Amino acid sequence: MDYTVAGTDDIESVVPNEWGGMWFFRDALDCENLGITLLELEPNGKGKPHDHAEENHEEVYLVVDGELTVELGGSEGEPADEAVTLEPGEAVRVSPETRRQLHNHGDELVRVVIAGAP
């Protein structure tokens, strides 16, 4: 049987504590294709606008706690084409070429599991 276990105590967050936290589990779990991330956003926190066209991988955002707004589309310096708001237990899949930005417009911490793969 082959498996690997990892937790946030085993991985350094790439986001300063005052903004929440972001832990990339891919390397810690020795994943070959799947990227898996836990993101925590403090109230009024947001992620950077980005896409994954160059890597050609789609992403799924699954909300565990709080309410997450995902702005979709648009281009650099322009507003998003639309926004989707997700509650706990809801998820959205975003294609590689779609620009996205994550926002916590609420008053509580947001926890999101992000899965991405080619």
C-alpha atoms as a PDB file:
ATOM      1  CA  MET A   1       0.000   0.000   0.000  1.00  0.00           C
ATOM      2  CA  ASP A   2       1.402   3.404  -0.976  1.00  0.00           C
ATOM      3  CA  TYR A   3       0.191   6.645   0.630  1.00  0.00           C
ATOM      4  CA  THR A   4       1.480   9.902   2.093  1.00  0.00           C
ATOM      5  CA  VAL A   5       0.055  12.019   4.918  1.00  0.00           C
ATOM      6  CA  ALA A   6       0.698  15.756   5.385  1.00  0.00           C
ATOM      7  CA  GLY A   7      -0.855  18.594   7.375  1.00  0.00           C
ATOM      8  CA  THR A   8      -0.518  22.348   7.623  1.00  0.00           C
ATOM      9  CA  ASP A   9       1.968  21.880  10.486  1.00  0.00           C
ATOM     10  CA  ASP A  10       4.265  20.103   7.986  1.00  0.00           C
ATOM     11  CA  ILE A  11       4.082  22.792   5.279  1.00  0.00           C
ATOM     12  CA  GLU A  12       5.105  26.449   5.393  1.00  0.00           C
ATOM     13  CA  SER A  13       2.370  28.886   4.368  1.00  0.00           C
ATOM     14  CA  VAL A  14       3.226  31.095   1.390  1.00  0.00           C
ATOM     15  CA  VAL A  15       0.905  33.842   2.705  1.00  0.00           C
ATOM     16  CA  PRO A  16       1.658  35.980   5.792  1.00  0.00           C
ATOM     17  CA  ASN A  17      -0.458  35.051   8.850  1.00  0.00           C
ATOM     18  CA  GLU A  18      -2.216  38.430   8.963  1.00  0.00           C
ATOM     19  CA  TRP A  19      -3.810  37.700   5.546  1.00  0.00           C
ATOM     20  CA  GLY A  20      -4.727  34.087   6.288  1.00  0.00           C
ATOM     21  CA  GLY A  21      -2.650  31.206   5.005  1.00  0.00           C
ATOM     22  CA  MET A  22      -1.946  29.173   1.887  1.00  0.00           C
ATOM     23  CA  TRP A  23      -0.463  25.699   2.035  1.00  0.00           C
ATOM     24  CA  PHE A  24       0.582  23.817  -1.115  1.00  0.00           C
ATOM     25  CA  PHE A  25       0.198  20.071  -0.456  1.00  0.00           C
ATOM     26  CA  ARG A  26       1.414  18.789  -3.847  1.00  0.00           C
ATOM     27  CA  ASP A  27       5.077  18.278  -2.924  1.00  0.00           C
ATOM     28  CA  ALA A  28       4.385  17.262   0.671  1.00  0.00           C
ATOM     29  CA  LEU A  29       2.043  14.514  -0.583  1.00  0.00           C
ATOM     30  CA  ASP A  30       4.351  13.588  -3.462  1.00  0.00           C
ATOM     31  CA  CYS A  31       1.560  14.110  -6.036  1.00  0.00           C
ATOM     32  CA  GLU A  32       2.535  13.534  -9.652  1.00  0.00           C
ATOM     33  CA  ASN A  33      -0.314  15.377 -11.415  1.00  0.00           C
ATOM     34  CA  LEU A  34      -2.719  16.816  -8.868  1.00  0.00           C
ATOM     35  CA  GLY A  35      -2.081  20.093  -7.102  1.00  0.00           C
ATOM     36  CA  ILE A  36      -3.973  20.489  -3.822  1.00  0.00           C
ATOM     37  CA  THR A  37      -3.962  23.651  -1.725  1.00  0.00           C
ATOM     38  CA  LEU A  38      -5.653  24.887   1.441  1.00  0.00           C
ATOM     39  CA  LEU A  39      -6.331  28.627   1.358  1.00  0.00           C
ATOM     40  CA  GLU A  40      -7.506  30.743   4.280  1.00  0.00           C
ATOM     41  CA  LEU A  41      -8.532  34.339   3.611  1.00  0.00           C
ATOM     42  CA  GLU A  42      -9.136  36.791   6.435  1.00  0.00           C
ATOM     43  CA  PRO A  43     -12.137  39.162   6.146  1.00  0.00           C
ATOM     44  CA  ASN A  44     -11.626  41.619   3.270  1.00  0.00           C
ATOM     45  CA  GLY A  45      -8.779  39.442   2.001  1.00  0.00           C
ATOM     46  CA  LYS A  46      -8.238  38.621  -1.641  1.00  0.00           C
ATOM     47  CA  GLY A  47      -5.993  36.547  -3.847  1.00  0.00           C
ATOM     48  CA  LYS A  48      -4.054  37.771  -6.839  1.00  0.00           C
ATOM     49  CA  PRO A  49      -5.761  37.811 -10.239  1.00  0.00           C
ATOM     50  CA  HIS A  50      -4.356  34.998 -12.380  1.00  0.00           C
ATOM     51  CA  ASP A  51      -4.985  32.232 -14.880  1.00  0.00           C
ATOM     52  CA  HIS A  52      -3.278  28.927 -15.636  1.00  0.00           C
ATOM     53  CA  ALA A  53      -3.237  29.042 -19.436  1.00  0.00           C
ATOM     54  CA  GLU A  54       0.529  28.413 -19.618  1.00  0.00           C
ATOM     55  CA  GLU A  55       0.330  25.365 -17.334  1.00  0.00           C
ATOM     56  CA  ASN A  56      -2.922  24.220 -18.998  1.00  0.00           C
ATOM     57  CA  HIS A  57      -4.520  23.131 -15.764  1.00  0.00           C
ATOM     58  CA  GLU A  58      -8.024  23.667 -14.536  1.00  0.00           C
ATOM     59  CA  GLU A  59      -8.836  24.428 -10.916  1.00  0.00           C
ATOM     60  CA  VAL A  60     -11.709  23.573  -8.605  1.00  0.00           C
ATOM     61  CA  TYR A  61     -12.415  25.775  -5.579  1.00  0.00           C
ATOM     62  CA  LEU A  62     -14.385  24.033  -2.791  1.00  0.00           C
ATOM     63  CA  VAL A  63     -15.491  26.222   0.111  1.00  0.00           C
ATOM     64  CA  VAL A  64     -15.163  24.586   3.538  1.00  0.00           C
ATOM     65  CA  ASP A  65     -15.937  27.584   5.797  1.00  0.00           C
ATOM     66  CA  GLY A  66     -17.199  31.111   5.139  1.00  0.00           C
ATOM     67  CA  GLU A  67     -18.335  32.678   1.888  1.00  0.00           C
ATOM     68  CA  LEU A  68     -16.028  33.072  -1.114  1.00  0.00           C
ATOM     69  CA  THR A  69     -16.531  35.306  -4.132  1.00  0.00           C
ATOM     70  CA  VAL A  70     -14.709  34.266  -7.296  1.00  0.00           C
ATOM     71  CA  GLU A  71     -14.425  36.987  -9.933  1.00  0.00           C
ATOM     72  CA  LEU A  72     -14.145  35.463 -13.413  1.00  0.00           C
ATOM     73  CA  GLY A  73     -13.004  36.785 -16.781  1.00  0.00           C
ATOM     74  CA  GLY A  74     -11.827  40.220 -17.708  1.00  0.00           C
ATOM     75  CA  SER A  75      -8.249  41.188 -18.379  1.00  0.00           C
ATOM     76  CA  GLU A  76      -5.462  42.955 -16.519  1.00  0.00           C
ATOM     77  CA  GLY A  77      -6.606  46.373 -15.352  1.00  0.00           C
ATOM     78  CA  GLU A  78     -10.224  45.651 -16.338  1.00  0.00           C
ATOM     79  CA  PRO A  79     -13.113  44.496 -14.139  1.00  0.00           C
ATOM     80  CA  ALA A  80     -14.179  40.838 -14.117  1.00  0.00           C
ATOM     81  CA  ASP A  81     -16.915  39.713 -16.478  1.00  0.00           C
ATOM     82  CA  GLU A  82     -18.876  38.079 -13.670  1.00  0.00           C
ATOM     83  CA  ALA A  83     -18.663  36.903 -10.083  1.00  0.00           C
ATOM     84  CA  VAL A  84     -19.769  33.686  -8.395  1.00  0.00           C
ATOM     85  CA  THR A  85     -20.363  33.556  -4.645  1.00  0.00           C
ATOM     86  CA  LEU A  86     -19.931  30.188  -2.951  1.00  0.00           C
ATOM     87  CA  GLU A  87     -21.003  28.978   0.479  1.00  0.00           C
ATOM     88  CA  PRO A  88     -19.687  25.987   2.451  1.00  0.00           C
ATOM     89  CA  GLY A  89     -20.074  22.775   0.485  1.00  0.00           C
ATOM     90  CA  GLU A  90     -20.213  24.561  -2.883  1.00  0.00           C
ATOM     91  CA  ALA A  91     -17.535  24.417  -5.568  1.00  0.00           C
ATOM     92  CA  VAL A  92     -16.718  25.982  -8.924  1.00  0.00           C
ATOM     93  CA  ARG A  93     -14.480  24.659 -11.720  1.00  0.00           C
ATOM     94  CA  VAL A  94     -12.468  27.239 -13.664  1.00  0.00           C
ATOM     95  CA  SER A  95     -10.848  26.496 -17.024  1.00  0.00           C
ATOM     96  CA  PRO A  96      -7.106  27.134 -17.481  1.00  0.00           C
ATOM     97  CA  GLU A  97      -7.482  30.247 -19.644  1.00  0.00           C
ATOM     98  CA  THR A  98     -10.119  31.981 -17.495  1.00  0.00           C
ATOM     99  CA  ARG A  99      -8.731  34.792 -15.345  1.00  0.00           C
ATOM    100  CA  ARG A 100      -9.859  34.552 -11.724  1.00  0.00           C
ATOM    101  CA  GLN A 101      -9.505  36.363  -8.414  1.00  0.00           C
ATOM    102  CA  LEU A 102     -10.720  35.188  -5.007  1.00  0.00           C
ATOM    103  CA  HIS A 103     -12.301  37.539  -2.454  1.00  0.00           C
ATOM    104  CA  ASN A 104     -13.549  37.287   1.117  1.00  0.00           C
ATOM    105  CA  HIS A 105     -16.113  40.080   1.412  1.00  0.00           C
ATOM    106  CA  GLY A 106     -17.499  38.631   4.658  1.00  0.00           C
ATOM    107  CA  ASP A 107     -16.746  39.108   8.342  1.00  0.00           C
ATOM    108  CA  GLU A 108     -15.332  35.618   9.000  1.00  0.00           C
ATOM    109  CA  LEU A 109     -12.373  33.603   7.849  1.00  0.00           C
ATOM    110  CA  VAL A 110     -12.859  31.728   4.556  1.00  0.00           C
ATOM    111  CA  ARG A 111     -11.313  28.244   4.105  1.00  0.00           C
ATOM    112  CA  VAL A 112     -11.105  26.893   0.579  1.00  0.00           C
ATOM    113  CA  VAL A 113      -9.653  23.677  -0.810  1.00  0.00           C
ATOM    114  CA  ILE A 114      -8.190  24.197  -4.273  1.00  0.00           C
ATOM    115  CA  ALA A 115      -7.496  21.266  -6.591  1.00  0.00           C
ATOM    116  CA  GLY A 116      -5.750  21.722  -9.937  1.00  0.00           C
ATOM    117  CA  ALA A 117      -4.468  19.392 -12.634  1.00  0.00           C
ATOM    118  CA  PRO A 118      -3.798  19.279 -16.363  1.00  0.00           C
END
